[in-house]
Amino acid sequence: MRETCCANLKIVFNDPVKRVRDTAADWFRGRFGEWTEWQRNLLSNYVQSQAFVDGGPECMMNMEKTPGPLPPEFLGLAQRALELFEEKIRTNPPHAFGFSYNLPALVIRFYEQSKIESTRRECLDLLDRMLALGMGEAANELNKVDR
């Protein structure tokens, strides 16, 4: 049953109708607790979908409010969000803001929870890219952490 639901959500994440995509993405709004394998898989699919392009900032806001460790797939989410931010800066600057609001704090949170040096380095590289793009929130978050 769960596999069928996940397969259907993956399809609906790219539905041509935005309202349908938004409804499918609402699944992330109420998610709490430890990330299971199937939830992490669903998150990876969501990040590559049109629904994430539409509602990624809201997904990141919900992740920031959810206690506990972020899933390992978060790094892919952060990279995709930064790509979308860069794209929106070029094409529609007023709409780029949403991707910058929670992203730096989440990257710092992921950095702090990770014990893998290469992952921590990737987090710092993402923060450097954010700074280069003028994300003031990244500077504020970096000031809170020991490197």
C-alpha atoms as a PDB file:
ATOM      1  CA  MET A   1       0.000   0.000   0.000  1.00  0.00           C
ATOM      2  CA  ARG A   2       2.762   2.454   0.973  1.00  0.00           C
ATOM      3  CA  GLU A   3       4.621   1.738  -2.284  1.00  0.00           C
ATOM      4  CA  THR A   4       1.499   2.553  -4.285  1.00  0.00           C
ATOM      5  CA  CYS A   5       0.985   5.826  -2.404  1.00  0.00           C
ATOM      6  CA  CYS A   6       4.630   6.835  -2.895  1.00  0.00           C
ATOM      7  CA  ALA A   7       4.529   5.964  -6.599  1.00  0.00           C
ATOM      8  CA  ASN A   8       1.390   8.066  -7.014  1.00  0.00           C
ATOM      9  CA  LEU A   9       2.875  11.010  -5.100  1.00  0.00           C
ATOM     10  CA  LYS A  10       5.987  10.926  -7.304  1.00  0.00           C
ATOM     11  CA  ILE A  11       3.756  11.262 -10.361  1.00  0.00           C
ATOM     12  CA  VAL A  12       1.616  14.000  -8.826  1.00  0.00           C
ATOM     13  CA  PHE A  13       4.715  16.033  -7.830  1.00  0.00           C
ATOM     14  CA  ASN A  14       4.979  16.844 -11.556  1.00  0.00           C
ATOM     15  CA  ASP A  15       1.299  17.184 -12.380  1.00  0.00           C
ATOM     16  CA  PRO A  16       0.593  19.978 -14.895  1.00  0.00           C
ATOM     17  CA  VAL A  17      -1.829  21.609 -12.445  1.00  0.00           C
ATOM     18  CA  LYS A  18      -0.074  23.608  -9.716  1.00  0.00           C
ATOM     19  CA  ARG A  19      -2.856  23.071  -7.170  1.00  0.00           C
ATOM     20  CA  VAL A  20      -2.452  19.299  -7.551  1.00  0.00           C
ATOM     21  CA  ARG A  21       1.333  19.589  -7.094  1.00  0.00           C
ATOM     22  CA  ASP A  22       0.829  21.746  -4.007  1.00  0.00           C
ATOM     23  CA  THR A  23      -1.590  19.238  -2.524  1.00  0.00           C
ATOM     24  CA  ALA A  24       0.899  16.411  -3.029  1.00  0.00           C
ATOM     25  CA  ALA A  25       3.666  18.495  -1.451  1.00  0.00           C
ATOM     26  CA  ASP A  26       1.479  19.041   1.622  1.00  0.00           C
ATOM     27  CA  TRP A  27       2.596  15.573   2.668  1.00  0.00           C
ATOM     28  CA  PHE A  28       5.816  17.162   3.961  1.00  0.00           C
ATOM     29  CA  ARG A  29       3.935  19.671   6.104  1.00  0.00           C
ATOM     30  CA  GLY A  30       2.812  17.172   8.705  1.00  0.00           C
ATOM     31  CA  ARG A  31       5.883  14.919   8.731  1.00  0.00           C
ATOM     32  CA  PHE A  32       7.541  14.502  12.119  1.00  0.00           C
ATOM     33  CA  GLY A  33      10.005  12.174  13.755  1.00  0.00           C
ATOM     34  CA  GLU A  34      12.786  10.024  12.409  1.00  0.00           C
ATOM     35  CA  TRP A  35      13.093   9.916   8.632  1.00  0.00           C
ATOM     36  CA  THR A  36      12.343   6.430   7.336  1.00  0.00           C
ATOM     37  CA  GLU A  37      13.892   5.040   4.173  1.00  0.00           C
ATOM     38  CA  TRP A  38      10.689   5.439   2.167  1.00  0.00           C
ATOM     39  CA  GLN A  39      10.282   9.056   3.356  1.00  0.00           C
ATOM     40  CA  ARG A  40      13.873   9.840   2.383  1.00  0.00           C
ATOM     41  CA  ASN A  41      13.274   8.297  -1.045  1.00  0.00           C
ATOM     42  CA  LEU A  42      10.129  10.371  -1.450  1.00  0.00           C
ATOM     43  CA  LEU A  43      12.046  13.509  -0.437  1.00  0.00           C
ATOM     44  CA  SER A  44      14.698  12.810  -3.089  1.00  0.00           C
ATOM     45  CA  ASN A  45      11.994  12.536  -5.746  1.00  0.00           C
ATOM     46  CA  TYR A  46      10.232  15.641  -4.491  1.00  0.00           C
ATOM     47  CA  VAL A  47      13.416  17.728  -4.683  1.00  0.00           C
ATOM     48  CA  GLN A  48      13.734  16.949  -8.398  1.00  0.00           C
ATOM     49  CA  SER A  49      10.086  17.747  -9.149  1.00  0.00           C
ATOM     50  CA  GLN A  50       8.125  20.779 -10.241  1.00  0.00           C
ATOM     51  CA  ALA A  51       6.377  20.725  -6.864  1.00  0.00           C
ATOM     52  CA  PHE A  52       9.712  21.588  -5.195  1.00  0.00           C
ATOM     53  CA  VAL A  53      10.246  24.436  -7.654  1.00  0.00           C
ATOM     54  CA  ASP A  54       6.826  25.752  -6.579  1.00  0.00           C
ATOM     55  CA  GLY A  55       7.012  25.007  -2.868  1.00  0.00           C
ATOM     56  CA  GLY A  56      10.612  24.332  -1.887  1.00  0.00           C
ATOM     57  CA  PRO A  57      10.757  27.293   0.492  1.00  0.00           C
ATOM     58  CA  GLU A  58       7.737  25.977   2.382  1.00  0.00           C
ATOM     59  CA  CYS A  59       9.289  22.508   2.565  1.00  0.00           C
ATOM     60  CA  MET A  60      12.469  24.011   4.019  1.00  0.00           C
ATOM     61  CA  MET A  61      10.434  26.053   6.509  1.00  0.00           C
ATOM     62  CA  ASN A  62       8.729  22.859   7.677  1.00  0.00           C
ATOM     63  CA  MET A  63      12.082  21.078   7.951  1.00  0.00           C
ATOM     64  CA  GLU A  64      13.443  23.909  10.069  1.00  0.00           C
ATOM     65  CA  LYS A  65      10.501  23.600  12.477  1.00  0.00           C
ATOM     66  CA  THR A  66      10.806  19.809  12.741  1.00  0.00           C
ATOM     67  CA  PRO A  67      13.055  18.660  15.589  1.00  0.00           C
ATOM     68  CA  GLY A  68      15.633  15.952  15.199  1.00  0.00           C
ATOM     69  CA  PRO A  69      18.313  15.278  12.632  1.00  0.00           C
ATOM     70  CA  LEU A  70      17.852  16.136   9.002  1.00  0.00           C
ATOM     71  CA  PRO A  71      17.931  13.184   6.604  1.00  0.00           C
ATOM     72  CA  PRO A  72      21.118  12.490   4.595  1.00  0.00           C
ATOM     73  CA  GLU A  73      19.190  13.511   1.464  1.00  0.00           C
ATOM     74  CA  PHE A  74      19.063  17.057   2.813  1.00  0.00           C
ATOM     75  CA  LEU A  75      22.350  17.904   1.096  1.00  0.00           C
ATOM     76  CA  GLY A  76      20.739  17.205  -2.304  1.00  0.00           C
ATOM     77  CA  LEU A  77      17.797  19.384  -1.292  1.00  0.00           C
ATOM     78  CA  ALA A  78      20.154  22.234  -0.332  1.00  0.00           C
ATOM     79  CA  GLN A  79      22.076  21.956  -3.593  1.00  0.00           C
ATOM     80  CA  ARG A  80      18.852  21.977  -5.629  1.00  0.00           C
ATOM     81  CA  ALA A  81      17.461  24.929  -3.660  1.00  0.00           C
ATOM     82  CA  LEU A  82      20.642  26.906  -4.296  1.00  0.00           C
ATOM     83  CA  GLU A  83      20.464  26.076  -8.021  1.00  0.00           C
ATOM     84  CA  LEU A  84      16.881  27.337  -8.100  1.00  0.00           C
ATOM     85  CA  PHE A  85      17.893  30.466  -6.186  1.00  0.00           C
ATOM     86  CA  GLU A  86      20.628  31.168  -8.755  1.00  0.00           C
ATOM     87  CA  GLU A  87      18.183  30.594 -11.601  1.00  0.00           C
ATOM     88  CA  LYS A  88      15.569  32.882 -10.066  1.00  0.00           C
ATOM     89  CA  ILE A  89      18.154  35.621  -9.502  1.00  0.00           C
ATOM     90  CA  ARG A  90      18.782  35.594 -13.262  1.00  0.00           C
ATOM     91  CA  THR A  91      15.174  35.276 -14.402  1.00  0.00           C
ATOM     92  CA  ASN A  92      12.920  36.679 -11.676  1.00  0.00           C
ATOM     93  CA  PRO A  93      14.886  38.293  -8.801  1.00  0.00           C
ATOM     94  CA  PRO A  94      11.927  39.191  -6.573  1.00  0.00           C
ATOM     95  CA  HIS A  95      10.973  35.508  -6.333  1.00  0.00           C
ATOM     96  CA  ALA A  96      14.456  34.277  -5.403  1.00  0.00           C
ATOM     97  CA  PHE A  97      14.034  35.337  -1.770  1.00  0.00           C
ATOM     98  CA  GLY A  98      11.963  32.319  -0.734  1.00  0.00           C
ATOM     99  CA  PHE A  99      14.810  29.927  -1.399  1.00  0.00           C
ATOM    100  CA  SER A 100      17.208  31.990   0.697  1.00  0.00           C
ATOM    101  CA  TYR A 101      15.178  32.391   3.858  1.00  0.00           C
ATOM    102  CA  ASN A 102      15.603  29.039   5.669  1.00  0.00           C
ATOM    103  CA  LEU A 103      18.372  27.487   3.611  1.00  0.00           C
ATOM    104  CA  PRO A 104      21.426  28.855   5.474  1.00  0.00           C
ATOM    105  CA  ALA A 105      20.095  27.831   8.902  1.00  0.00           C
ATOM    106  CA  LEU A 106      19.279  24.351   7.633  1.00  0.00           C
ATOM    107  CA  VAL A 107      22.727  23.947   6.059  1.00  0.00           C
ATOM    108  CA  ILE A 108      24.340  24.960   9.361  1.00  0.00           C
ATOM    109  CA  ARG A 109      22.108  22.503  11.203  1.00  0.00           C
ATOM    110  CA  PHE A 110      23.116  19.733   8.796  1.00  0.00           C
ATOM    111  CA  TYR A 111      26.781  20.757   9.149  1.00  0.00           C
ATOM    112  CA  GLU A 112      26.567  20.515  12.927  1.00  0.00           C
ATOM    113  CA  GLN A 113      24.841  17.126  12.906  1.00  0.00           C
ATOM    114  CA  SER A 114      27.284  15.583  10.432  1.00  0.00           C
ATOM    115  CA  LYS A 115      30.399  13.798  11.586  1.00  0.00           C
ATOM    116  CA  ILE A 116      31.671  13.174   8.035  1.00  0.00           C
ATOM    117  CA  GLU A 117      34.347  15.686   7.067  1.00  0.00           C
ATOM    118  CA  SER A 118      33.519  15.644   3.327  1.00  0.00           C
ATOM    119  CA  THR A 119      29.856  16.382   4.102  1.00  0.00           C
ATOM    120  CA  ARG A 120      30.838  19.221   6.411  1.00  0.00           C
ATOM    121  CA  ARG A 121      33.085  20.609   3.643  1.00  0.00           C
ATOM    122  CA  GLU A 122      30.163  20.446   1.166  1.00  0.00           C
ATOM    123  CA  CYS A 123      28.042  22.407   3.641  1.00  0.00           C
ATOM    124  CA  LEU A 124      30.712  25.096   3.927  1.00  0.00           C
ATOM    125  CA  ASP A 125      31.043  25.215   0.138  1.00  0.00           C
ATOM    126  CA  LEU A 126      27.281  25.755  -0.142  1.00  0.00           C
ATOM    127  CA  LEU A 127      27.476  28.557   2.411  1.00  0.00           C
ATOM    128  CA  ASP A 128      30.342  30.160   0.473  1.00  0.00           C
ATOM    129  CA  ARG A 129      28.199  30.062  -2.690  1.00  0.00           C
ATOM    130  CA  MET A 130      25.341  31.652  -0.757  1.00  0.00           C
ATOM    131  CA  LEU A 131      27.621  34.439   0.441  1.00  0.00           C
ATOM    132  CA  ALA A 132      28.870  35.033  -3.088  1.00  0.00           C
ATOM    133  CA  LEU A 133      25.248  35.371  -4.209  1.00  0.00           C
ATOM    134  CA  GLY A 134      24.551  37.959  -1.533  1.00  0.00           C
ATOM    135  CA  MET A 135      22.515  35.854   0.880  1.00  0.00           C
ATOM    136  CA  GLY A 136      22.921  37.855   4.057  1.00  0.00           C
ATOM    137  CA  GLU A 137      21.308  35.071   6.067  1.00  0.00           C
ATOM    138  CA  ALA A 138      24.326  32.855   5.300  1.00  0.00           C
ATOM    139  CA  ALA A 139      26.691  35.349   6.967  1.00  0.00           C
ATOM    140  CA  ASN A 140      24.432  35.520  10.023  1.00  0.00           C
ATOM    141  CA  GLU A 141      24.328  31.726  10.337  1.00  0.00           C
ATOM    142  CA  LEU A 142      28.083  31.300   9.807  1.00  0.00           C
ATOM    143  CA  ASN A 143      28.733  33.682  12.698  1.00  0.00           C
ATOM    144  CA  LYS A 144      26.897  31.246  14.998  1.00  0.00           C
ATOM    145  CA  VAL A 145      29.149  28.253  14.312  1.00  0.00           C
ATOM    146  CA  ASP A 146      32.724  27.269  15.050  1.00  0.00           C
ATOM    147  CA  ARG A 147      34.589  26.073  11.989  1.00  0.00           C
END
